[in-house]
All heavy atoms as atom14 arrays in JSON, in Angstrom:
{
  "sequence": "HACRGLYRPRLSPSALTDAPTVCGLALVQWIAAAEALTRYDSRYAVGW",
  "atom14_mask": [
    [1, 1, 1, 1, 1, 1, 1, 1, 1, 1, 0, 0, 0, 0],
    [1, 1, 1, 1, 1, 0, 0, 0, 0, 0, 0, 0, 0, 0],
    [1, 1, 1, 1, 1, 1, 0, 0, 0, 0, 0, 0, 0, 0],
    [1, 1, 1, 1, 1, 1, 1, 1, 1, 1, 1, 0, 0, 0],
    [1, 1, 1, 1, 0, 0, 0, 0, 0, 0, 0, 0, 0, 0],
    [1, 1, 1, 1, 1, 1, 1, 1, 0, 0, 0, 0, 0, 0],
    [1, 1, 1, 1, 1, 1, 1, 1, 1, 1, 1, 1, 0, 0],
    [1, 1, 1, 1, 1, 1, 1, 1, 1, 1, 1, 0, 0, 0],
    [1, 1, 1, 1, 1, 1, 1, 0, 0, 0, 0, 0, 0, 0],
    [1, 1, 1, 1, 1, 1, 1, 1, 1, 1, 1, 0, 0, 0],
    [1, 1, 1, 1, 1, 1, 1, 1, 0, 0, 0, 0, 0, 0],
    [1, 1, 1, 1, 1, 1, 0, 0, 0, 0, 0, 0, 0, 0],
    [1, 1, 1, 1, 1, 1, 1, 0, 0, 0, 0, 0, 0, 0],
    [1, 1, 1, 1, 1, 1, 0, 0, 0, 0, 0, 0, 0, 0],
    [1, 1, 1, 1, 1, 0, 0, 0, 0, 0, 0, 0, 0, 0],
    [1, 1, 1, 1, 1, 1, 1, 1, 0, 0, 0, 0, 0, 0],
    [1, 1, 1, 1, 1, 1, 1, 0, 0, 0, 0, 0, 0, 0],
    [1, 1, 1, 1, 1, 1, 1, 1, 0, 0, 0, 0, 0, 0],
    [1, 1, 1, 1, 1, 0, 0, 0, 0, 0, 0, 0, 0, 0],
    [1, 1, 1, 1, 1, 1, 1, 0, 0, 0, 0, 0, 0, 0],
    [1, 1, 1, 1, 1, 1, 1, 0, 0, 0, 0, 0, 0, 0],
    [1, 1, 1, 1, 1, 1, 1, 0, 0, 0, 0, 0, 0, 0],
    [1, 1, 1, 1, 1, 1, 0, 0, 0, 0, 0, 0, 0, 0],
    [1, 1, 1, 1, 0, 0, 0, 0, 0, 0, 0, 0, 0, 0],
    [1, 1, 1, 1, 1, 1, 1, 1, 0, 0, 0, 0, 0, 0],
    [1, 1, 1, 1, 1, 0, 0, 0, 0, 0, 0, 0, 0, 0],
    [1, 1, 1, 1, 1, 1, 1, 1, 0, 0, 0, 0, 0, 0],
    [1, 1, 1, 1, 1, 1, 1, 0, 0, 0, 0, 0, 0, 0],
    [1, 1, 1, 1, 1, 1, 1, 1, 1, 0, 0, 0, 0, 0],
    [1, 1, 1, 1, 1, 1, 1, 1, 1, 1, 1, 1, 1, 1],
    [1, 1, 1, 1, 1, 1, 1, 1, 0, 0, 0, 0, 0, 0],
    [1, 1, 1, 1, 1, 0, 0, 0, 0, 0, 0, 0, 0, 0],
    [1, 1, 1, 1, 1, 0, 0, 0, 0, 0, 0, 0, 0, 0],
    [1, 1, 1, 1, 1, 0, 0, 0, 0, 0, 0, 0, 0, 0],
    [1, 1, 1, 1, 1, 1, 1, 1, 1, 0, 0, 0, 0, 0],
    [1, 1, 1, 1, 1, 0, 0, 0, 0, 0, 0, 0, 0, 0],
    [1, 1, 1, 1, 1, 1, 1, 1, 0, 0, 0, 0, 0, 0],
    [1, 1, 1, 1, 1, 1, 1, 0, 0, 0, 0, 0, 0, 0],
    [1, 1, 1, 1, 1, 1, 1, 1, 1, 1, 1, 0, 0, 0],
    [1, 1, 1, 1, 1, 1, 1, 1, 1, 1, 1, 1, 0, 0],
    [1, 1, 1, 1, 1, 1, 1, 1, 0, 0, 0, 0, 0, 0],
    [1, 1, 1, 1, 1, 1, 0, 0, 0, 0, 0, 0, 0, 0],
    [1, 1, 1, 1, 1, 1, 1, 1, 1, 1, 1, 0, 0, 0],
    [1, 1, 1, 1, 1, 1, 1, 1, 1, 1, 1, 1, 0, 0],
    [1, 1, 1, 1, 1, 0, 0, 0, 0, 0, 0, 0, 0, 0],
    [1, 1, 1, 1, 1, 1, 1, 0, 0, 0, 0, 0, 0, 0],
    [1, 1, 1, 1, 0, 0, 0, 0, 0, 0, 0, 0, 0, 0],
    [1, 1, 1, 1, 1, 1, 1, 1, 1, 1, 1, 1, 1, 1]
  ],
  "atom14_positions": [
    [[15.09, -1.92, -7.84], [15.9, -2.84, -7.05], [15.01, -3.9, -6.38], [15.41, -5.07, -6.24], [16.7, -2.07, -5.99], [17.91, -1.42, -6.56], [18.95, -0.97, -5.77], [18.3, -1.17, -7.83], [19.92, -0.45, -6.52], [19.52, -0.55, -7.79], [0.0, 0.0, 0.0], [0.0, 0.0, 0.0], [0.0, 0.0, 0.0], [0.0, 0.0, 0.0]],
    [[13.83, -3.47, -5.94], [12.91, -4.43, -5.32], [12.45, -5.45, -6.33], [12.34, -6.65, -6.02], [11.71, -3.7, -4.73], [0.0, 0.0, 0.0], [0.0, 0.0, 0.0], [0.0, 0.0, 0.0], [0.0, 0.0, 0.0], [0.0, 0.0, 0.0], [0.0, 0.0, 0.0], [0.0, 0.0, 0.0], [0.0, 0.0, 0.0], [0.0, 0.0, 0.0]],
    [[12.2, -5.0, -7.55], [11.77, -5.93, -8.63], [12.86, -6.96, -8.94], [12.56, -8.1, -9.34], [11.39, -5.18, -9.87], [9.88, -4.2, -9.69], [0.0, 0.0, 0.0], [0.0, 0.0, 0.0], [0.0, 0.0, 0.0], [0.0, 0.0, 0.0], [0.0, 0.0, 0.0], [0.0, 0.0, 0.0], [0.0, 0.0, 0.0], [0.0, 0.0, 0.0]],
    [[14.1, -6.61, -8.75], [15.22, -7.51, -9.03], [15.58, -8.36, -7.81], [16.54, -9.13, -7.84], [16.44, -6.75, -9.55], [16.28, -6.2, -10.92], [16.3, -7.31, -11.97], [17.62, -7.92, -12.06], [17.85, -9.25, -12.0], [16.89, -10.07, -11.78], [19.09, -9.68, -12.09], [0.0, 0.0, 0.0], [0.0, 0.0, 0.0], [0.0, 0.0, 0.0]],
    [[14.87, -8.17, -6.7], [15.1, -9.0, -5.52], [16.29, -8.58, -4.69], [16.84, -9.42, -3.92], [0.0, 0.0, 0.0], [0.0, 0.0, 0.0], [0.0, 0.0, 0.0], [0.0, 0.0, 0.0], [0.0, 0.0, 0.0], [0.0, 0.0, 0.0], [0.0, 0.0, 0.0], [0.0, 0.0, 0.0], [0.0, 0.0, 0.0], [0.0, 0.0, 0.0]],
    [[16.73, -7.35, -4.79], [17.91, -6.9, -4.06], [17.67, -6.61, -2.58], [18.58, -6.33, -1.84], [18.51, -5.67, -4.73], [19.12, -5.89, -6.1], [19.63, -4.58, -6.68], [20.23, -6.92, -6.07], [0.0, 0.0, 0.0], [0.0, 0.0, 0.0], [0.0, 0.0, 0.0], [0.0, 0.0, 0.0], [0.0, 0.0, 0.0], [0.0, 0.0, 0.0]],
    [[16.39, -6.69, -2.14], [16.04, -6.47, -0.74], [15.63, -7.76, -0.04], [15.19, -7.71, 1.09], [14.97, -5.42, -0.59], [15.3, -4.08, -1.2], [14.48, -3.47, -2.14], [16.5, -3.44, -0.86], [14.82, -2.25, -2.69], [16.83, -2.24, -1.4], [15.99, -1.64, -2.33], [16.33, -0.41, -2.88], [0.0, 0.0, 0.0], [0.0, 0.0, 0.0]],
    [[15.68, -8.89, -0.76], [15.29, -10.13, -0.11], [16.3, -10.49, 0.98], [17.49, -10.35, 0.8], [15.22, -11.23, -1.16], [14.1, -11.07, -2.13], [14.11, -12.16, -3.19], [13.06, -11.94, -4.19], [12.94, -12.65, -5.3], [13.8, -13.61, -5.53], [11.96, -12.41, -6.14], [0.0, 0.0, 0.0], [0.0, 0.0, 0.0], [0.0, 0.0, 0.0]],
    [[15.8, -11.02, 2.07], [16.7, -11.43, 3.16], [17.67, -12.52, 2.68], [17.25, -13.46, 2.01], [15.76, -11.97, 4.24], [14.44, -11.34, 3.95], [14.39, -11.19, 2.46], [0.0, 0.0, 0.0], [0.0, 0.0, 0.0], [0.0, 0.0, 0.0], [0.0, 0.0, 0.0], [0.0, 0.0, 0.0], [0.0, 0.0, 0.0], [0.0, 0.0, 0.0]],
    [[18.91, -12.37, 3.02], [19.93, -13.36, 2.62], [20.83, -13.62, 3.83], [20.99, -12.76, 4.7], [20.79, -12.83, 1.49], [20.02, -12.82, 0.12], [20.88, -12.27, -0.96], [21.06, -10.83, -0.85], [21.86, -10.09, -1.61], [22.59, -10.69, -2.57], [21.98, -8.81, -1.43], [0.0, 0.0, 0.0], [0.0, 0.0, 0.0], [0.0, 0.0, 0.0]],
    [[21.39, -14.83, 3.86], [22.3, -15.17, 4.95], [23.69, -14.61, 4.76], [24.36, -14.3, 5.72], [22.36, -16.71, 5.09], [21.07, -17.42, 5.49], [21.3, -18.89, 5.61], [20.52, -16.85, 6.79], [0.0, 0.0, 0.0], [0.0, 0.0, 0.0], [0.0, 0.0, 0.0], [0.0, 0.0, 0.0], [0.0, 0.0, 0.0], [0.0, 0.0, 0.0]],
    [[24.12, -14.5, 3.5], [25.49, -14.0, 3.22], [25.41, -12.92, 2.14], [25.88, -13.11, 1.03], [26.38, -15.17, 2.76], [26.42, -16.17, 3.72], [0.0, 0.0, 0.0], [0.0, 0.0, 0.0], [0.0, 0.0, 0.0], [0.0, 0.0, 0.0], [0.0, 0.0, 0.0], [0.0, 0.0, 0.0], [0.0, 0.0, 0.0], [0.0, 0.0, 0.0]],
    [[24.85, -11.76, 2.46], [24.77, -10.69, 1.48], [26.15, -10.14, 1.15], [27.02, -10.09, 1.99], [23.88, -9.64, 2.15], [24.09, -9.88, 3.6], [24.28, -11.36, 3.76], [0.0, 0.0, 0.0], [0.0, 0.0, 0.0], [0.0, 0.0, 0.0], [0.0, 0.0, 0.0], [0.0, 0.0, 0.0], [0.0, 0.0, 0.0], [0.0, 0.0, 0.0]],
    [[26.3, -9.71, -0.1], [27.6, -9.16, -0.53], [27.38, -8.01, -1.5], [26.68, -8.15, -2.48], [28.44, -10.29, -1.22], [29.55, -9.72, -1.85], [0.0, 0.0, 0.0], [0.0, 0.0, 0.0], [0.0, 0.0, 0.0], [0.0, 0.0, 0.0], [0.0, 0.0, 0.0], [0.0, 0.0, 0.0], [0.0, 0.0, 0.0], [0.0, 0.0, 0.0]],
    [[27.99, -6.88, -1.21], [27.87, -5.71, -2.07], [28.49, -5.96, -3.4], [28.04, -5.54, -4.45], [28.48, -4.48, -1.38], [0.0, 0.0, 0.0], [0.0, 0.0, 0.0], [0.0, 0.0, 0.0], [0.0, 0.0, 0.0], [0.0, 0.0, 0.0], [0.0, 0.0, 0.0], [0.0, 0.0, 0.0], [0.0, 0.0, 0.0], [0.0, 0.0, 0.0]],
    [[29.63, -6.7, -3.42], [30.33, -6.97, -4.66], [29.51, -7.92, -5.57], [29.51, -7.79, -6.78], [31.71, -7.58, -4.39], [32.73, -6.65, -3.76], [34.06, -7.4, -3.49], [33.0, -5.45, -4.66], [0.0, 0.0, 0.0], [0.0, 0.0, 0.0], [0.0, 0.0, 0.0], [0.0, 0.0, 0.0], [0.0, 0.0, 0.0], [0.0, 0.0, 0.0]],
    [[28.81, -8.87, -4.94], [27.96, -9.75, -5.71], [26.82, -8.99, -6.36], [26.4, -9.27, -7.5], [27.39, -10.85, -4.79], [28.47, -11.58, -4.26], [26.49, -11.78, -5.55], [0.0, 0.0, 0.0], [0.0, 0.0, 0.0], [0.0, 0.0, 0.0], [0.0, 0.0, 0.0], [0.0, 0.0, 0.0], [0.0, 0.0, 0.0], [0.0, 0.0, 0.0]],
    [[26.31, -7.95, -5.65], [25.21, -7.15, -6.19], [25.68, -6.12, -7.2], [24.82, -5.57, -7.92], [24.5, -6.45, -5.05], [23.78, -7.39, -4.09], [23.52, -8.54, -4.51], [23.53, -7.0, -2.95], [0.0, 0.0, 0.0], [0.0, 0.0, 0.0], [0.0, 0.0, 0.0], [0.0, 0.0, 0.0], [0.0, 0.0, 0.0], [0.0, 0.0, 0.0]],
    [[26.95, -5.82, -7.26], [27.48, -4.73, -8.09], [27.07, -4.81, -9.56], [26.6, -3.81, -10.17], [28.97, -4.61, -7.93], [0.0, 0.0, 0.0], [0.0, 0.0, 0.0], [0.0, 0.0, 0.0], [0.0, 0.0, 0.0], [0.0, 0.0, 0.0], [0.0, 0.0, 0.0], [0.0, 0.0, 0.0], [0.0, 0.0, 0.0], [0.0, 0.0, 0.0]],
    [[27.18, -5.97, -10.24], [26.79, -6.0, -11.64], [25.33, -5.68, -11.86], [24.96, -4.97, -12.81], [27.08, -7.45, -12.09], [28.15, -7.93, -11.1], [27.82, -7.26, -9.82], [0.0, 0.0, 0.0], [0.0, 0.0, 0.0], [0.0, 0.0, 0.0], [0.0, 0.0, 0.0], [0.0, 0.0, 0.0], [0.0, 0.0, 0.0], [0.0, 0.0, 0.0]],
    [[24.46, -6.19, -11.0], [23.05, -5.91, -11.12], [22.76, -4.41, -10.87], [21.99, -3.76, -11.59], [22.21, -6.73, -10.12], [22.49, -8.13, -10.36], [20.73, -6.49, -10.27], [0.0, 0.0, 0.0], [0.0, 0.0, 0.0], [0.0, 0.0, 0.0], [0.0, 0.0, 0.0], [0.0, 0.0, 0.0], [0.0, 0.0, 0.0], [0.0, 0.0, 0.0]],
    [[23.39, -3.87, -9.85], [23.19, -2.44, -9.51], [23.66, -1.57, -10.67], [23.0, -0.6, -11.05], [23.95, -2.1, -8.22], [23.97, -0.57, -7.96], [23.32, -2.8, -7.01], [0.0, 0.0, 0.0], [0.0, 0.0, 0.0], [0.0, 0.0, 0.0], [0.0, 0.0, 0.0], [0.0, 0.0, 0.0], [0.0, 0.0, 0.0], [0.0, 0.0, 0.0]],
    [[24.8, -1.91, -11.25], [25.34, -1.12, -12.35], [24.42, -1.21, -13.6], [24.15, -0.19, -14.23], [26.74, -1.62, -12.71], [27.59, -0.67, -13.98], [0.0, 0.0, 0.0], [0.0, 0.0, 0.0], [0.0, 0.0, 0.0], [0.0, 0.0, 0.0], [0.0, 0.0, 0.0], [0.0, 0.0, 0.0], [0.0, 0.0, 0.0], [0.0, 0.0, 0.0]],
    [[23.96, -2.41, -13.92], [23.06, -2.55, -15.08], [21.78, -1.76, -14.92], [21.31, -1.1, -15.85], [0.0, 0.0, 0.0], [0.0, 0.0, 0.0], [0.0, 0.0, 0.0], [0.0, 0.0, 0.0], [0.0, 0.0, 0.0], [0.0, 0.0, 0.0], [0.0, 0.0, 0.0], [0.0, 0.0, 0.0], [0.0, 0.0, 0.0], [0.0, 0.0, 0.0]],
    [[21.19, -1.82, -13.7], [19.97, -1.09, -13.45], [20.2, 0.43, -13.5], [19.36, 1.2, -13.97], [19.37, -1.48, -12.1], [18.88, -2.95, -12.01], [18.42, -3.27, -10.58], [17.73, -3.16, -12.99], [0.0, 0.0, 0.0], [0.0, 0.0, 0.0], [0.0, 0.0, 0.0], [0.0, 0.0, 0.0], [0.0, 0.0, 0.0], [0.0, 0.0, 0.0]],
    [[21.34, 0.87, -13.01], [21.67, 2.28, -13.04], [21.84, 2.78, -14.45], [21.37, 3.87, -14.83], [22.93, 2.57, -12.24], [0.0, 0.0, 0.0], [0.0, 0.0, 0.0], [0.0, 0.0, 0.0], [0.0, 0.0, 0.0], [0.0, 0.0, 0.0], [0.0, 0.0, 0.0], [0.0, 0.0, 0.0], [0.0, 0.0, 0.0], [0.0, 0.0, 0.0]],
    [[22.46, 1.93, -15.32], [22.62, 2.31, -16.71], [21.26, 2.5, -17.43], [21.06, 3.51, -18.11], [23.46, 1.25, -17.43], [23.7, 1.47, -18.93], [24.51, 2.74, -19.11], [24.47, 0.29, -19.51], [0.0, 0.0, 0.0], [0.0, 0.0, 0.0], [0.0, 0.0, 0.0], [0.0, 0.0, 0.0], [0.0, 0.0, 0.0], [0.0, 0.0, 0.0]],
    [[20.38, 1.53, -17.23], [19.06, 1.65, -17.83], [18.31, 2.88, -17.31], [17.68, 3.63, -18.06], [18.23, 0.35, -17.55], [16.81, 0.5, -18.03], [18.89, -0.84, -18.24], [0.0, 0.0, 0.0], [0.0, 0.0, 0.0], [0.0, 0.0, 0.0], [0.0, 0.0, 0.0], [0.0, 0.0, 0.0], [0.0, 0.0, 0.0], [0.0, 0.0, 0.0]],
    [[18.4, 3.08, -15.99], [17.71, 4.19, -15.37], [18.18, 5.54, -15.93], [17.36, 6.4, -16.25], [17.89, 4.11, -13.87], [17.26, 5.27, -13.1], [17.59, 5.19, -11.61], [18.03, 4.14, -11.1], [17.43, 6.32, -10.92], [0.0, 0.0, 0.0], [0.0, 0.0, 0.0], [0.0, 0.0, 0.0], [0.0, 0.0, 0.0], [0.0, 0.0, 0.0]],
    [[19.52, 5.72, -16.03], [20.04, 7.0, -16.49], [19.81, 7.23, -17.99], [19.54, 8.37, -18.4], [21.51, 7.07, -16.17], [21.77, 7.51, -14.73], [22.16, 6.7, -13.71], [21.59, 8.82, -14.2], [22.23, 7.44, -12.54], [21.87, 8.74, -12.81], [21.2, 10.03, -14.75], [21.79, 9.82, -11.99], [21.13, 11.13, -13.91], [21.44, 11.02, -12.55]],
    [[19.86, 6.19, -18.79], [19.56, 6.35, -20.2], [18.11, 6.81, -20.36], [17.81, 7.73, -21.16], [19.83, 5.05, -20.96], [21.34, 4.8, -21.02], [19.26, 5.13, -22.37], [21.71, 3.47, -21.68], [0.0, 0.0, 0.0], [0.0, 0.0, 0.0], [0.0, 0.0, 0.0], [0.0, 0.0, 0.0], [0.0, 0.0, 0.0], [0.0, 0.0, 0.0]],
    [[17.19, 6.16, -19.66], [15.76, 6.52, -19.76], [15.55, 7.94, -19.27], [14.8, 8.73, -19.92], [14.93, 5.53, -18.96], [0.0, 0.0, 0.0], [0.0, 0.0, 0.0], [0.0, 0.0, 0.0], [0.0, 0.0, 0.0], [0.0, 0.0, 0.0], [0.0, 0.0, 0.0], [0.0, 0.0, 0.0], [0.0, 0.0, 0.0], [0.0, 0.0, 0.0]],
    [[16.17, 8.31, -18.12], [15.96, 9.67, -17.59], [16.53, 10.72, -18.54], [15.9, 11.77, -18.77], [16.61, 9.75, -16.2], [0.0, 0.0, 0.0], [0.0, 0.0, 0.0], [0.0, 0.0, 0.0], [0.0, 0.0, 0.0], [0.0, 0.0, 0.0], [0.0, 0.0, 0.0], [0.0, 0.0, 0.0], [0.0, 0.0, 0.0], [0.0, 0.0, 0.0]],
    [[17.73, 10.46, -19.05], [18.35, 11.45, -19.94], [17.55, 11.62, -21.22], [17.37, 12.77, -21.7], [19.79, 11.03, -20.27], [0.0, 0.0, 0.0], [0.0, 0.0, 0.0], [0.0, 0.0, 0.0], [0.0, 0.0, 0.0], [0.0, 0.0, 0.0], [0.0, 0.0, 0.0], [0.0, 0.0, 0.0], [0.0, 0.0, 0.0], [0.0, 0.0, 0.0]],
    [[17.06, 10.54, -21.78], [16.28, 10.63, -23.02], [14.98, 11.38, -22.78], [14.57, 12.26, -23.56], [15.96, 9.21, -23.53], [15.18, 9.19, -24.85], [15.96, 9.74, -26.0], [17.2, 9.82, -25.9], [15.31, 10.11, -27.01], [0.0, 0.0, 0.0], [0.0, 0.0, 0.0], [0.0, 0.0, 0.0], [0.0, 0.0, 0.0], [0.0, 0.0, 0.0]],
    [[14.31, 11.12, -21.69], [13.05, 11.8, -21.38], [13.24, 13.27, -21.14], [12.46, 14.1, -21.66], [12.38, 11.11, -20.16], [0.0, 0.0, 0.0], [0.0, 0.0, 0.0], [0.0, 0.0, 0.0], [0.0, 0.0, 0.0], [0.0, 0.0, 0.0], [0.0, 0.0, 0.0], [0.0, 0.0, 0.0], [0.0, 0.0, 0.0], [0.0, 0.0, 0.0]],
    [[14.28, 13.62, -20.43], [14.49, 15.07, -20.12], [14.96, 15.81, -21.38], [14.62, 16.97, -21.56], [15.55, 15.18, -19.04], [15.04, 14.97, -17.6], [16.17, 14.96, -16.61], [14.03, 16.06, -17.23], [0.0, 0.0, 0.0], [0.0, 0.0, 0.0], [0.0, 0.0, 0.0], [0.0, 0.0, 0.0], [0.0, 0.0, 0.0], [0.0, 0.0, 0.0]],
    [[15.75, 15.16, -22.23], [16.17, 15.8, -23.47], [14.99, 16.13, -24.36], [14.93, 17.21, -24.96], [17.16, 14.91, -24.2], [18.3, 14.69, -23.37], [17.63, 15.6, -25.48], [0.0, 0.0, 0.0], [0.0, 0.0, 0.0], [0.0, 0.0, 0.0], [0.0, 0.0, 0.0], [0.0, 0.0, 0.0], [0.0, 0.0, 0.0], [0.0, 0.0, 0.0]],
    [[14.03, 15.19, -24.43], [12.83, 15.45, -25.27], [11.96, 16.54, -24.63], [11.27, 17.26, -25.33], [12.05, 14.16, -25.44], [12.75, 13.13, -26.33], [11.92, 11.92, -26.47], [12.56, 10.94, -27.38], [12.49, 10.94, -28.7], [11.72, 11.87, -29.29], [13.08, 10.04, -29.42], [0.0, 0.0, 0.0], [0.0, 0.0, 0.0], [0.0, 0.0, 0.0]],
    [[11.98, 16.6, -23.27], [11.18, 17.61, -22.61], [11.78, 19.01, -22.78], [11.06, 19.98, -23.05], [11.05, 17.24, -21.11], [10.42, 18.3, -20.3], [9.04, 18.53, -20.38], [11.16, 19.08, -19.39], [8.43, 19.52, -19.59], [10.59, 20.04, -18.63], [9.22, 20.27, -18.73], [8.6, 21.23, -17.96], [0.0, 0.0, 0.0], [0.0, 0.0, 0.0]],
    [[13.09, 19.12, -22.61], [13.75, 20.43, -22.71], [15.23, 20.18, -23.07], [15.93, 19.5, -22.34], [13.66, 21.19, -21.39], [14.06, 22.64, -21.55], [14.88, 22.96, -22.43], [13.55, 23.5, -20.77], [0.0, 0.0, 0.0], [0.0, 0.0, 0.0], [0.0, 0.0, 0.0], [0.0, 0.0, 0.0], [0.0, 0.0, 0.0], [0.0, 0.0, 0.0]],
    [[15.66, 20.72, -24.19], [17.03, 20.45, -24.65], [18.07, 21.01, -23.7], [19.24, 20.61, -23.76], [17.22, 21.04, -26.06], [16.96, 22.45, -26.04], [0.0, 0.0, 0.0], [0.0, 0.0, 0.0], [0.0, 0.0, 0.0], [0.0, 0.0, 0.0], [0.0, 0.0, 0.0], [0.0, 0.0, 0.0], [0.0, 0.0, 0.0], [0.0, 0.0, 0.0]],
    [[17.7, 21.9, -22.81], [18.68, 22.45, -21.86], [19.17, 21.4, -20.9], [20.23, 21.52, -20.31], [18.03, 23.61, -21.06], [17.73, 24.83, -21.88], [17.07, 25.88, -21.0], [15.84, 25.38, -20.41], [15.18, 26.01, -19.41], [15.67, 27.12, -18.91], [14.07, 25.5, -18.95], [0.0, 0.0, 0.0], [0.0, 0.0, 0.0], [0.0, 0.0, 0.0]],
    [[18.38, 20.34, -20.73], [18.73, 19.27, -19.79], [19.45, 18.12, -20.47], [19.61, 17.03, -19.89], [17.52, 18.75, -19.08], [16.75, 19.78, -18.28], [15.41, 19.98, -18.44], [17.46, 20.62, -17.37], [14.71, 20.94, -17.7], [16.76, 21.58, -16.64], [15.42, 21.73, -16.81], [14.74, 22.68, -16.1], [0.0, 0.0, 0.0], [0.0, 0.0, 0.0]],
    [[19.93, 18.34, -21.72], [20.59, 17.26, -22.42], [21.87, 16.83, -21.69], [22.62, 17.64, -21.16], [20.92, 17.69, -23.85], [0.0, 0.0, 0.0], [0.0, 0.0, 0.0], [0.0, 0.0, 0.0], [0.0, 0.0, 0.0], [0.0, 0.0, 0.0], [0.0, 0.0, 0.0], [0.0, 0.0, 0.0], [0.0, 0.0, 0.0], [0.0, 0.0, 0.0]],
    [[22.12, 15.54, -21.67], [23.28, 14.95, -20.99], [24.11, 14.2, -22.02], [23.61, 13.38, -22.79], [22.81, 13.99, -19.88], [24.02, 13.36, -19.2], [21.96, 14.75, -18.85], [0.0, 0.0, 0.0], [0.0, 0.0, 0.0], [0.0, 0.0, 0.0], [0.0, 0.0, 0.0], [0.0, 0.0, 0.0], [0.0, 0.0, 0.0], [0.0, 0.0, 0.0]],
    [[25.43, 14.45, -21.99], [26.31, 13.78, -22.88], [26.67, 12.4, -22.39], [26.46, 12.05, -21.23], [0.0, 0.0, 0.0], [0.0, 0.0, 0.0], [0.0, 0.0, 0.0], [0.0, 0.0, 0.0], [0.0, 0.0, 0.0], [0.0, 0.0, 0.0], [0.0, 0.0, 0.0], [0.0, 0.0, 0.0], [0.0, 0.0, 0.0], [0.0, 0.0, 0.0]],
    [[27.3, 11.59, -23.27], [27.63, 10.23, -22.89], [28.67, 10.19, -21.8], [28.68, 9.28, -20.95], [28.12, 9.47, -24.12], [27.0, 9.01, -25.02], [26.61, 9.56, -26.19], [26.09, 7.93, -24.75], [25.52, 8.9, -26.69], [25.17, 7.88, -25.81], [25.98, 7.03, -23.71], [24.15, 6.93, -25.89], [24.96, 6.07, -23.79], [24.07, 6.05, -24.85]]
  ]
}
């Protein structure tokens, strides 16, 4: 989130404006985490 500038001071911050960025970053984060854990131990496999 810091790399995407979501903590920069703003005069008119909006949670709805940030929502698409937050959702996209969450998707990338969970796909990477699920793939890494599945390769580490199949017990931690996560379905779509």
